[in-house]
Amino acid sequence: MSKPVHIKFKTPPEIAEKAYEAVKKARETGGKVRRGANETTKAVERGLAKIVVIAEDVEPPEVVMHLPLLCEEKKIPYVYVPSKKRLGEEAGLQVGAAAVAIVEPGQA
């Protein structure tokens, strides 16, 4: 199966796992996390995001297709994770999240 068009590179599983942990830690330790494609886009456009996490299994992919380009333009690091359901859970949602932006990391 070919990779979806919105994925620019393959993230190693150990890095994806660290991304999930970072989202959860930021949420649980008083940091600020923006959930969903729209909120993430706003955080990136305003230059507030420290890192962006994008789910690979988003349907349709056009929902998040603009995020890598926007992140590169604003020089904000981004990473892909395999599951939008797990990304949503780690961000404190009961549903999936197409993308998440960590705005403030919280306490380590």
PDB file of N, CA and C in Angstrom:
ATOM      1  N   MET A   1       0.843  -1.182   0.000  1.00  0.00           N
ATOM      2  CA  MET A   1       0.000   0.000   0.000  1.00  0.00           C
ATOM      3  C   MET A   1       0.885   1.240   0.000  1.00  0.00           C
ATOM      4  N   SER A   2       0.551   2.208  -0.814  1.00  0.00           N
ATOM      5  CA  SER A   2       1.342   3.434  -0.864  1.00  0.00           C
ATOM      6  C   SER A   2       0.982   4.331   0.316  1.00  0.00           C
ATOM      7  N   LYS A   3       1.933   5.178   0.676  1.00  0.00           N
ATOM      8  CA  LYS A   3       1.670   6.058   1.813  1.00  0.00           C
ATOM      9  C   LYS A   3       0.711   7.174   1.399  1.00  0.00           C
ATOM     10  N   PRO A   4      -0.124   7.629   2.323  1.00  0.00           N
ATOM     11  CA  PRO A   4      -1.053   8.722   2.025  1.00  0.00           C
ATOM     12  C   PRO A   4      -0.303   9.982   1.588  1.00  0.00           C
ATOM     13  N   VAL A   5      -0.972  10.801   0.797  1.00  0.00           N
ATOM     14  CA  VAL A   5      -0.323  11.973   0.207  1.00  0.00           C
ATOM     15  C   VAL A   5       0.103  13.022   1.230  1.00  0.00           C
ATOM     16  N   HIS A   6      -0.522  13.066   2.394  1.00  0.00           N
ATOM     17  CA  HIS A   6      -0.176  14.102   3.366  1.00  0.00           C
ATOM     18  C   HIS A   6       1.042  13.744   4.212  1.00  0.00           C
ATOM     19  N   ILE A   7       1.575  12.549   4.069  1.00  0.00           N
ATOM     20  CA  ILE A   7       2.724  12.126   4.869  1.00  0.00           C
ATOM     21  C   ILE A   7       4.006  12.358   4.083  1.00  0.00           C
ATOM     22  N   LYS A   8       4.866  13.246   4.594  1.00  0.00           N
ATOM     23  CA  LYS A   8       6.094  13.607   3.888  1.00  0.00           C
ATOM     24  C   LYS A   8       7.267  12.694   4.228  1.00  0.00           C
ATOM     25  N   PHE A   9       7.225  12.042   5.387  1.00  0.00           N
ATOM     26  CA  PHE A   9       8.293  11.128   5.797  1.00  0.00           C
ATOM     27  C   PHE A   9       7.729  10.112   6.782  1.00  0.00           C
ATOM     28  N   LYS A  10       8.413   9.001   6.918  1.00  0.00           N
ATOM     29  CA  LYS A  10       7.993   7.954   7.849  1.00  0.00           C
ATOM     30  C   LYS A  10       8.660   8.185   9.202  1.00  0.00           C
ATOM     31  N   THR A  11       7.847   8.258  10.238  1.00  0.00           N
ATOM     32  CA  THR A  11       8.359   8.438  11.589  1.00  0.00           C
ATOM     33  C   THR A  11       8.654   7.072  12.200  1.00  0.00           C
ATOM     34  N   PRO A  12       9.859   6.871  12.742  1.00  0.00           N
ATOM     35  CA  PRO A  12      10.159   5.600  13.414  1.00  0.00           C
ATOM     36  C   PRO A  12       9.210   5.379  14.603  1.00  0.00           C
ATOM     37  N   PRO A  13       8.831   4.129  14.867  1.00  0.00           N
ATOM     38  CA  PRO A  13       7.878   3.837  15.951  1.00  0.00           C
ATOM     39  C   PRO A  13       8.293   4.398  17.310  1.00  0.00           C
ATOM     40  N   GLU A  14       9.597   4.363  17.626  1.00  0.00           N
ATOM     41  CA  GLU A  14      10.032   4.871  18.936  1.00  0.00           C
ATOM     42  C   GLU A  14       9.850   6.389  19.037  1.00  0.00           C
ATOM     43  N   ILE A  15       9.993   7.098  17.932  1.00  0.00           N
ATOM     44  CA  ILE A  15       9.777   8.553  17.930  1.00  0.00           C
ATOM     45  C   ILE A  15       8.282   8.848  18.056  1.00  0.00           C
ATOM     46  N   ALA A  16       7.457   8.084  17.357  1.00  0.00           N
ATOM     47  CA  ALA A  16       6.004   8.255  17.453  1.00  0.00           C
ATOM     48  C   ALA A  16       5.544   8.030  18.894  1.00  0.00           C
ATOM     49  N   GLU A  17       6.115   7.028  19.553  1.00  0.00           N
ATOM     50  CA  GLU A  17       5.768   6.741  20.943  1.00  0.00           C
ATOM     51  C   GLU A  17       6.142   7.916  21.846  1.00  0.00           C
ATOM     52  N   LYS A  18       7.308   8.502  21.607  1.00  0.00           N
ATOM     53  CA  LYS A  18       7.747   9.676  22.384  1.00  0.00           C
ATOM     54  C   LYS A  18       6.809  10.859  22.139  1.00  0.00           C
ATOM     55  N   ALA A  19       6.306  10.994  20.915  1.00  0.00           N
ATOM     56  CA  ALA A  19       5.372  12.081  20.599  1.00  0.00           C
ATOM     57  C   ALA A  19       4.076  11.916  21.386  1.00  0.00           C
ATOM     58  N   TYR A  20       3.554  10.681  21.432  1.00  0.00           N
ATOM     59  CA  TYR A  20       2.356  10.421  22.241  1.00  0.00           C
ATOM     60  C   TYR A  20       2.614  10.786  23.703  1.00  0.00           C
ATOM     61  N   GLU A  21       3.766  10.375  24.231  1.00  0.00           N
ATOM     62  CA  GLU A  21       4.125  10.660  25.623  1.00  0.00           C
ATOM     63  C   GLU A  21       4.227  12.164  25.868  1.00  0.00           C
ATOM     64  N   ALA A  22       4.799  12.891  24.914  1.00  0.00           N
ATOM     65  CA  ALA A  22       4.952  14.343  25.063  1.00  0.00           C
ATOM     66  C   ALA A  22       3.594  15.028  25.137  1.00  0.00           C
ATOM     67  N   VAL A  23       2.658  14.595  24.306  1.00  0.00           N
ATOM     68  CA  VAL A  23       1.310  15.176  24.322  1.00  0.00           C
ATOM     69  C   VAL A  23       0.644  14.900  25.664  1.00  0.00           C
ATOM     70  N   LYS A  24       0.732  13.668  26.127  1.00  0.00           N
ATOM     71  CA  LYS A  24       0.117  13.297  27.406  1.00  0.00           C
ATOM     72  C   LYS A  24       0.750  14.064  28.565  1.00  0.00           C
ATOM     73  N   LYS A  25       2.073  14.139  28.573  1.00  0.00           N
ATOM     74  CA  LYS A  25       2.779  14.830  29.651  1.00  0.00           C
ATOM     75  C   LYS A  25       2.440  16.321  29.663  1.00  0.00           C
ATOM     76  N   ALA A  26       2.390  16.938  28.491  1.00  0.00           N
ATOM     77  CA  ALA A  26       2.040  18.360  28.413  1.00  0.00           C
ATOM     78  C   ALA A  26       0.638  18.591  28.966  1.00  0.00           C
ATOM     79  N   ARG A  27      -0.288  17.733  28.615  1.00  0.00           N
ATOM     80  CA  ARG A  27      -1.668  17.873  29.084  1.00  0.00           C
ATOM     81  C   ARG A  27      -1.770  17.664  30.590  1.00  0.00           C
ATOM     82  N   GLU A  28      -1.068  16.665  31.115  1.00  0.00           N
ATOM     83  CA  GLU A  28      -1.199  16.305  32.529  1.00  0.00           C
ATOM     84  C   GLU A  28      -0.413  17.202  33.470  1.00  0.00           C
ATOM     85  N   THR A  29       0.575  17.934  32.978  1.00  0.00           N
ATOM     86  CA  THR A  29       1.430  18.717  33.871  1.00  0.00           C
ATOM     87  C   THR A  29       1.226  20.224  33.726  1.00  0.00           C
ATOM     88  N   GLY A  30       0.053  20.622  33.274  1.00  0.00           N
ATOM     89  CA  GLY A  30      -0.264  22.043  33.237  1.00  0.00           C
ATOM     90  C   GLY A  30       0.135  22.764  31.964  1.00  0.00           C
ATOM     91  N   GLY A  31       0.552  22.044  30.958  1.00  0.00           N
ATOM     92  CA  GLY A  31       0.885  22.673  29.680  1.00  0.00           C
ATOM     93  C   GLY A  31      -0.373  22.975  28.889  1.00  0.00           C
ATOM     94  N   LYS A  32      -0.198  23.607  27.734  1.00  0.00           N
ATOM     95  CA  LYS A  32      -1.338  23.910  26.875  1.00  0.00           C
ATOM     96  C   LYS A  32      -1.226  23.094  25.596  1.00  0.00           C
ATOM     97  N   VAL A  33      -2.315  22.407  25.274  1.00  0.00           N
ATOM     98  CA  VAL A  33      -2.363  21.570  24.081  1.00  0.00           C
ATOM     99  C   VAL A  33      -3.557  22.008  23.247  1.00  0.00           C
ATOM    100  N   ARG A  34      -3.343  22.240  21.967  1.00  0.00           N
ATOM    101  CA  ARG A  34      -4.423  22.566  21.038  1.00  0.00           C
ATOM    102  C   ARG A  34      -4.777  21.291  20.289  1.00  0.00           C
ATOM    103  N   ARG A  35      -6.064  20.938  20.314  1.00  0.00           N
ATOM    104  CA  ARG A  35      -6.517  19.668  19.749  1.00  0.00           C
ATOM    105  C   ARG A  35      -7.326  19.896  18.481  1.00  0.00           C
ATOM    106  N   GLY A  36      -7.090  19.054  17.486  1.00  0.00           N
ATOM    107  CA  GLY A  36      -7.847  19.121  16.243  1.00  0.00           C
ATOM    108  C   GLY A  36      -7.121  19.922  15.175  1.00  0.00           C
ATOM    109  N   ALA A  37      -7.491  19.675  13.930  1.00  0.00           N
ATOM    110  CA  ALA A  37      -6.813  20.315  12.805  1.00  0.00           C
ATOM    111  C   ALA A  37      -6.983  21.836  12.816  1.00  0.00           C
ATOM    112  N   ASN A  38      -8.182  22.322  13.118  1.00  0.00           N
ATOM    113  CA  ASN A  38      -8.415  23.771  13.092  1.00  0.00           C
ATOM    114  C   ASN A  38      -7.639  24.495  14.186  1.00  0.00           C
ATOM    115  N   GLU A  39      -7.719  24.001  15.411  1.00  0.00           N
ATOM    116  CA  GLU A  39      -6.998  24.629  16.522  1.00  0.00           C
ATOM    117  C   GLU A  39      -5.489  24.554  16.309  1.00  0.00           C
ATOM    118  N   THR A  40      -5.019  23.427  15.780  1.00  0.00           N
ATOM    119  CA  THR A  40      -3.595  23.265  15.498  1.00  0.00           C
ATOM    120  C   THR A  40      -3.152  24.261  14.435  1.00  0.00           C
ATOM    121  N   THR A  41      -3.955  24.412  13.385  1.00  0.00           N
ATOM    122  CA  THR A  41      -3.638  25.365  12.315  1.00  0.00           C
ATOM    123  C   THR A  41      -3.518  26.776  12.873  1.00  0.00           C
ATOM    124  N   LYS A  42      -4.455  27.169  13.726  1.00  0.00           N
ATOM    125  CA  LYS A  42      -4.407  28.514  14.321  1.00  0.00           C
ATOM    126  C   LYS A  42      -3.156  28.700  15.167  1.00  0.00           C
ATOM    127  N   ALA A  43      -2.802  27.692  15.955  1.00  0.00           N
ATOM    128  CA  ALA A  43      -1.610  27.782  16.807  1.00  0.00           C
ATOM    129  C   ALA A  43      -0.350  27.921  15.958  1.00  0.00           C
ATOM    130  N   VAL A  44      -0.284  27.206  14.844  1.00  0.00           N
ATOM    131  CA  VAL A  44       0.882  27.290  13.957  1.00  0.00           C
ATOM    132  C   VAL A  44       0.927  28.653  13.277  1.00  0.00           C
ATOM    133  N   GLU A  45      -0.196  29.105  12.736  1.00  0.00           N
ATOM    134  CA  GLU A  45      -0.238  30.400  12.046  1.00  0.00           C
ATOM    135  C   GLU A  45       0.175  31.544  12.964  1.00  0.00           C
ATOM    136  N   ARG A  46      -0.192  31.454  14.225  1.00  0.00           N
ATOM    137  CA  ARG A  46       0.141  32.506  15.196  1.00  0.00           C
ATOM    138  C   ARG A  46       1.539  32.337  15.778  1.00  0.00           C
ATOM    139  N   GLY A  47       2.215  31.252  15.414  1.00  0.00           N
ATOM    140  CA  GLY A  47       3.568  31.008  15.908  1.00  0.00           C
ATOM    141  C   GLY A  47       3.614  30.562  17.356  1.00  0.00           C
ATOM    142  N   LEU A  48       2.517  30.033  17.872  1.00  0.00           N
ATOM    143  CA  LEU A  48       2.439  29.624  19.276  1.00  0.00           C
ATOM    144  C   LEU A  48       2.883  28.185  19.503  1.00  0.00           C
ATOM    145  N   ALA A  49       2.752  27.346  18.494  1.00  0.00           N
ATOM    146  CA  ALA A  49       3.048  25.918  18.644  1.00  0.00           C
ATOM    147  C   ALA A  49       4.541  25.676  18.804  1.00  0.00           C
ATOM    148  N   LYS A  50       4.887  24.800  19.740  1.00  0.00           N
ATOM    149  CA  LYS A  50       6.284  24.385  19.930  1.00  0.00           C
ATOM    150  C   LYS A  50       6.587  23.159  19.075  1.00  0.00           C
ATOM    151  N   ILE A  51       5.604  22.261  18.963  1.00  0.00           N
ATOM    152  CA  ILE A  51       5.705  21.072  18.107  1.00  0.00           C
ATOM    153  C   ILE A  51       4.290  20.659  17.705  1.00  0.00           C
ATOM    154  N   VAL A  52       4.182  20.088  16.522  1.00  0.00           N
ATOM    155  CA  VAL A  52       2.891  19.638  16.001  1.00  0.00           C
ATOM    156  C   VAL A  52       2.957  18.128  15.778  1.00  0.00           C
ATOM    157  N   VAL A  53       1.907  17.438  16.198  1.00  0.00           N
ATOM    158  CA  VAL A  53       1.802  15.992  16.016  1.00  0.00           C
ATOM    159  C   VAL A  53       0.611  15.742  15.087  1.00  0.00           C
ATOM    160  N   ILE A  54       0.859  15.049  13.977  1.00  0.00           N
ATOM    161  CA  ILE A  54      -0.154  14.823  12.950  1.00  0.00           C
ATOM    162  C   ILE A  54      -0.421  13.321  12.828  1.00  0.00           C
ATOM    163  N   ALA A  55      -1.700  12.934  12.827  1.00  0.00           N
ATOM    164  CA  ALA A  55      -2.063  11.523  12.673  1.00  0.00           C
ATOM    165  C   ALA A  55      -1.955  11.111  11.207  1.00  0.00           C
ATOM    166  N   GLU A  56      -1.484   9.888  10.986  1.00  0.00           N
ATOM    167  CA  GLU A  56      -1.335   9.368   9.623  1.00  0.00           C
ATOM    168  C   GLU A  56      -2.647   8.846   9.047  1.00  0.00           C
ATOM    169  N   ASP A  57      -3.557   8.385   9.898  1.00  0.00           N
ATOM    170  CA  ASP A  57      -4.776   7.725   9.417  1.00  0.00           C
ATOM    171  C   ASP A  57      -5.979   8.663   9.299  1.00  0.00           C
ATOM    172  N   VAL A  58      -5.742   9.897   8.911  1.00  0.00           N
ATOM    173  CA  VAL A  58      -6.808  10.892   8.778  1.00  0.00           C
ATOM    174  C   VAL A  58      -7.538  10.692   7.448  1.00  0.00           C
ATOM    175  N   GLU A  59      -8.864  10.718   7.502  1.00  0.00           N
ATOM    176  CA  GLU A  59      -9.692  10.618   6.296  1.00  0.00           C
ATOM    177  C   GLU A  59     -10.668  11.775   6.271  1.00  0.00           C
ATOM    178  N   PRO A  60     -10.746  12.551   5.255  1.00  0.00           N
ATOM    179  CA  PRO A  60      -9.855  12.587   4.099  1.00  0.00           C
ATOM    180  C   PRO A  60      -8.537  13.266   4.466  1.00  0.00           C
ATOM    181  N   PRO A  61      -7.460  12.925   3.766  1.00  0.00           N
ATOM    182  CA  PRO A  61      -6.149  13.490   4.112  1.00  0.00           C
ATOM    183  C   PRO A  61      -6.059  15.004   3.918  1.00  0.00           C
ATOM    184  N   GLU A  62      -6.965  15.571   3.133  1.00  0.00           N
ATOM    185  CA  GLU A  62      -6.955  17.024   2.904  1.00  0.00           C
ATOM    186  C   GLU A  62      -7.146  17.814   4.190  1.00  0.00           C
ATOM    187  N   VAL A  63      -7.698  17.172   5.213  1.00  0.00           N
ATOM    188  CA  VAL A  63      -7.933  17.835   6.498  1.00  0.00           C
ATOM    189  C   VAL A  63      -6.623  18.331   7.107  1.00  0.00           C
ATOM    190  N   VAL A  64      -5.545  17.565   6.937  1.00  0.00           N
ATOM    191  CA  VAL A  64      -4.256  17.928   7.540  1.00  0.00           C
ATOM    192  C   VAL A  64      -3.150  18.158   6.510  1.00  0.00           C
ATOM    193  N   MET A  65      -3.481  18.100   5.243  1.00  0.00           N
ATOM    194  CA  MET A  65      -2.477  18.188   4.188  1.00  0.00           C
ATOM    195  C   MET A  65      -1.670  19.493   4.233  1.00  0.00           C
ATOM    196  N   HIS A  66      -2.281  20.560   4.704  1.00  0.00           N
ATOM    197  CA  HIS A  66      -1.620  21.871   4.737  1.00  0.00           C
ATOM    198  C   HIS A  66      -0.645  22.023   5.913  1.00  0.00           C
ATOM    199  N   LEU A  67      -0.784  21.207   6.942  1.00  0.00           N
ATOM    200  CA  LEU A  67       0.008  21.399   8.159  1.00  0.00           C
ATOM    201  C   LEU A  67       1.521  21.265   7.971  1.00  0.00           C
ATOM    202  N   PRO A  68       2.030  20.246   7.265  1.00  0.00           N
ATOM    203  CA  PRO A  68       3.488  20.175   7.091  1.00  0.00           C
ATOM    204  C   PRO A  68       4.074  21.415   6.403  1.00  0.00           C
ATOM    205  N   LEU A  69       3.402  21.902   5.369  1.00  0.00           N
ATOM    206  CA  LEU A  69       3.886  23.099   4.668  1.00  0.00           C
ATOM    207  C   LEU A  69       3.874  24.318   5.587  1.00  0.00           C
ATOM    208  N   LEU A  70       2.795  24.456   6.342  1.00  0.00           N
ATOM    209  CA  LEU A  70       2.676  25.581   7.267  1.00  0.00           C
ATOM    210  C   LEU A  70       3.743  25.507   8.358  1.00  0.00           C
ATOM    211  N   CYS A  71       3.978  24.307   8.884  1.00  0.00           N
ATOM    212  CA  CYS A  71       5.008  24.125   9.914  1.00  0.00           C
ATOM    213  C   CYS A  71       6.393  24.467   9.368  1.00  0.00           C
ATOM    214  N   GLU A  72       6.680  24.027   8.159  1.00  0.00           N
ATOM    215  CA  GLU A  72       7.982  24.330   7.553  1.00  0.00           C
ATOM    216  C   GLU A  72       8.145  25.833   7.336  1.00  0.00           C
ATOM    217  N   GLU A  73       7.079  26.480   6.895  1.00  0.00           N
ATOM    218  CA  GLU A  73       7.115  27.925   6.673  1.00  0.00           C
ATOM    219  C   GLU A  73       7.386  28.682   7.971  1.00  0.00           C
ATOM    220  N   LYS A  74       6.772  28.222   9.061  1.00  0.00           N
ATOM    221  CA  LYS A  74       6.917  28.879  10.368  1.00  0.00           C
ATOM    222  C   LYS A  74       8.079  28.309  11.183  1.00  0.00           C
ATOM    223  N   LYS A  75       8.786  27.314  10.611  1.00  0.00           N
ATOM    224  CA  LYS A  75       9.928  26.673  11.278  1.00  0.00           C
ATOM    225  C   LYS A  75       9.528  26.025  12.611  1.00  0.00           C
ATOM    226  N   ILE A  76       8.395  25.331  12.578  1.00  0.00           N
ATOM    227  CA  ILE A  76       7.896  24.602  13.741  1.00  0.00           C
ATOM    228  C   ILE A  76       8.066  23.106  13.459  1.00  0.00           C
ATOM    229  N   PRO A  77       8.724  22.372  14.357  1.00  0.00           N
ATOM    230  CA  PRO A  77       8.907  20.932  14.118  1.00  0.00           C
ATOM    231  C   PRO A  77       7.572  20.184  14.158  1.00  0.00           C
ATOM    232  N   TYR A  78       7.493  19.141  13.347  1.00  0.00           N
ATOM    233  CA  TYR A  78       6.293  18.313  13.334  1.00  0.00           C
ATOM    234  C   TYR A  78       6.685  16.850  13.178  1.00  0.00           C
ATOM    235  N   VAL A  79       5.771  15.986  13.601  1.00  0.00           N
ATOM    236  CA  VAL A  79       6.014  14.544  13.567  1.00  0.00           C
ATOM    237  C   VAL A  79       4.687  13.854  13.265  1.00  0.00           C
ATOM    238  N   TYR A  80       4.771  12.685  12.664  1.00  0.00           N
ATOM    239  CA  TYR A  80       3.581  11.889  12.378  1.00  0.00           C
ATOM    240  C   TYR A  80       3.461  10.748  13.384  1.00  0.00           C
ATOM    241  N   VAL A  81       2.215  10.413  13.723  1.00  0.00           N
ATOM    242  CA  VAL A  81       1.933   9.245  14.556  1.00  0.00           C
ATOM    243  C   VAL A  81       0.893   8.390  13.823  1.00  0.00           C
ATOM    244  N   PRO A  82       0.890   7.087  14.065  1.00  0.00           N
ATOM    245  CA  PRO A  82       0.011   6.208  13.282  1.00  0.00           C
ATOM    246  C   PRO A  82      -1.489   6.354  13.546  1.00  0.00           C
ATOM    247  N   SER A  83      -1.897   6.691  14.769  1.00  0.00           N
ATOM    248  CA  SER A  83      -3.312   6.597  15.133  1.00  0.00           C
ATOM    249  C   SER A  83      -3.916   7.913  15.621  1.00  0.00           C
ATOM    250  N   LYS A  84      -4.981   8.363  14.941  1.00  0.00           N
ATOM    251  CA  LYS A  84      -5.683   9.563  15.400  1.00  0.00           C
ATOM    252  C   LYS A  84      -6.473   9.267  16.670  1.00  0.00           C
ATOM    253  N   LYS A  85      -6.943   8.020  16.823  1.00  0.00           N
ATOM    254  CA  LYS A  85      -7.681   7.652  18.032  1.00  0.00           C
ATOM    255  C   LYS A  85      -6.784   7.779  19.259  1.00  0.00           C
ATOM    256  N   ARG A  86      -5.592   7.212  19.182  1.00  0.00           N
ATOM    257  CA  ARG A  86      -4.671   7.290  20.325  1.00  0.00           C
ATOM    258  C   ARG A  86      -4.209   8.726  20.548  1.00  0.00           C
ATOM    259  N   LEU A  87      -3.986   9.466  19.478  1.00  0.00           N
ATOM    260  CA  LEU A  87      -3.575  10.867  19.618  1.00  0.00           C
ATOM    261  C   LEU A  87      -4.644  11.649  20.374  1.00  0.00           C
ATOM    262  N   GLY A  88      -5.912  11.413  20.039  1.00  0.00           N
ATOM    263  CA  GLY A  88      -7.007  12.063  20.751  1.00  0.00           C
ATOM    264  C   GLY A  88      -7.042  11.678  22.220  1.00  0.00           C
ATOM    265  N   GLU A  89      -6.841  10.391  22.505  1.00  0.00           N
ATOM    266  CA  GLU A  89      -6.835   9.919  23.896  1.00  0.00           C
ATOM    267  C   GLU A  89      -5.719  10.576  24.695  1.00  0.00           C
ATOM    268  N   GLU A  90      -4.524  10.631  24.126  1.00  0.00           N
ATOM    269  CA  GLU A  90      -3.386  11.236  24.829  1.00  0.00           C
ATOM    270  C   GLU A  90      -3.594  12.737  25.037  1.00  0.00           C
ATOM    271  N   ALA A  91      -4.399  13.346  24.160  1.00  0.00           N
ATOM    272  CA  ALA A  91      -4.689  14.775  24.289  1.00  0.00           C
ATOM    273  C   ALA A  91      -5.875  15.031  25.212  1.00  0.00           C
ATOM    274  N   GLY A  92      -6.463  13.962  25.763  1.00  0.00           N
ATOM    275  CA  GLY A  92      -7.551  14.120  26.718  1.00  0.00           C
ATOM    276  C   GLY A  92      -8.934  14.110  26.099  1.00  0.00           C
ATOM    277  N   LEU A  93      -9.065  13.603  24.886  1.00  0.00           N
ATOM    278  CA  LEU A  93     -10.360  13.528  24.213  1.00  0.00           C
ATOM    279  C   LEU A  93     -10.869  12.092  24.217  1.00  0.00           C
ATOM    280  N   GLN A  94     -12.175  11.940  24.073  1.00  0.00           N
ATOM    281  CA  GLN A  94     -12.749  10.600  23.961  1.00  0.00           C
ATOM    282  C   GLN A  94     -12.926  10.199  22.502  1.00  0.00           C
ATOM    283  N   VAL A  95     -12.532  11.074  21.599  1.00  0.00           N
ATOM    284  CA  VAL A  95     -12.591  10.810  20.158  1.00  0.00           C
ATOM    285  C   VAL A  95     -11.199  11.026  19.575  1.00  0.00           C
ATOM    286  N   GLY A  96     -11.026  10.687  18.327  1.00  0.00           N
ATOM    287  CA  GLY A  96      -9.731  10.869  17.678  1.00  0.00           C
ATOM    288  C   GLY A  96      -9.420  12.332  17.412  1.00  0.00           C
ATOM    289  N   ALA A  97      -8.146  12.624  17.227  1.00  0.00           N
ATOM    290  CA  ALA A  97      -7.696  13.972  16.869  1.00  0.00           C
ATOM    291  C   ALA A  97      -6.791  13.858  15.647  1.00  0.00           C
ATOM    292  N   ALA A  98      -7.094  14.628  14.611  1.00  0.00           N
ATOM    293  CA  ALA A  98      -6.290  14.602  13.391  1.00  0.00           C
ATOM    294  C   ALA A  98      -4.910  15.195  13.635  1.00  0.00           C
ATOM    295  N   ALA A  99      -4.853  16.204  14.506  1.00  0.00           N
ATOM    296  CA  ALA A  99      -3.579  16.865  14.801  1.00  0.00           C
ATOM    297  C   ALA A  99      -3.644  17.490  16.185  1.00  0.00           C
ATOM    298  N   VAL A 100      -2.475  17.661  16.779  1.00  0.00           N
ATOM    299  CA  VAL A 100      -2.352  18.288  18.095  1.00  0.00           C
ATOM    300  C   VAL A 100      -1.130  19.189  18.070  1.00  0.00           C
ATOM    301  N   ALA A 101      -1.265  20.366  18.672  1.00  0.00           N
ATOM    302  CA  ALA A 101      -0.123  21.270  18.814  1.00  0.00           C
ATOM    303  C   ALA A 101       0.165  21.457  20.297  1.00  0.00           C
ATOM    304  N   ILE A 102       1.412  21.282  20.686  1.00  0.00           N
ATOM    305  CA  ILE A 102       1.818  21.589  22.054  1.00  0.00           C
ATOM    306  C   ILE A 102       2.241  23.051  22.056  1.00  0.00           C
ATOM    307  N   VAL A 103       1.492  23.867  22.799  1.00  0.00           N
ATOM    308  CA  VAL A 103       1.746  25.303  22.860  1.00  0.00           C
ATOM    309  C   VAL A 103       2.647  25.627  24.041  1.00  0.00           C
ATOM    310  N   GLU A 104       2.364  25.013  25.191  1.00  0.00           N
ATOM    311  CA  GLU A 104       3.219  25.138  26.367  1.00  0.00           C
ATOM    312  C   GLU A 104       3.478  23.725  26.880  1.00  0.00           C
ATOM    313  N   PRO A 105       4.743  23.362  27.075  1.00  0.00           N
ATOM    314  CA  PRO A 105       5.065  21.978  27.413  1.00  0.00           C
ATOM    315  C   PRO A 105       4.688  21.535  28.826  1.00  0.00           C
ATOM    316  N   GLY A 106       4.450  22.427  29.748  1.00  0.00           N
ATOM    317  CA  GLY A 106       4.159  22.019  31.118  1.00  0.00           C
ATOM    318  C   GLY A 106       5.442  21.663  31.855  1.00  0.00           C
ATOM    319  N   GLN A 107       5.302  20.914  32.954  1.00  0.00           N
ATOM    320  CA  GLN A 107       6.447  20.520  33.774  1.00  0.00           C
ATOM    321  C   GLN A 107       6.954  19.154  33.346  1.00  0.00           C
ATOM    322  N   ALA A 108       8.253  19.022  33.238  1.00  0.00           N
ATOM    323  CA  ALA A 108       8.827  17.735  32.790  1.00  0.00           C
ATOM    324  C   ALA A 108       8.929  16.737  33.904  1.00  0.00           C
TER     325      ALA A 108
END
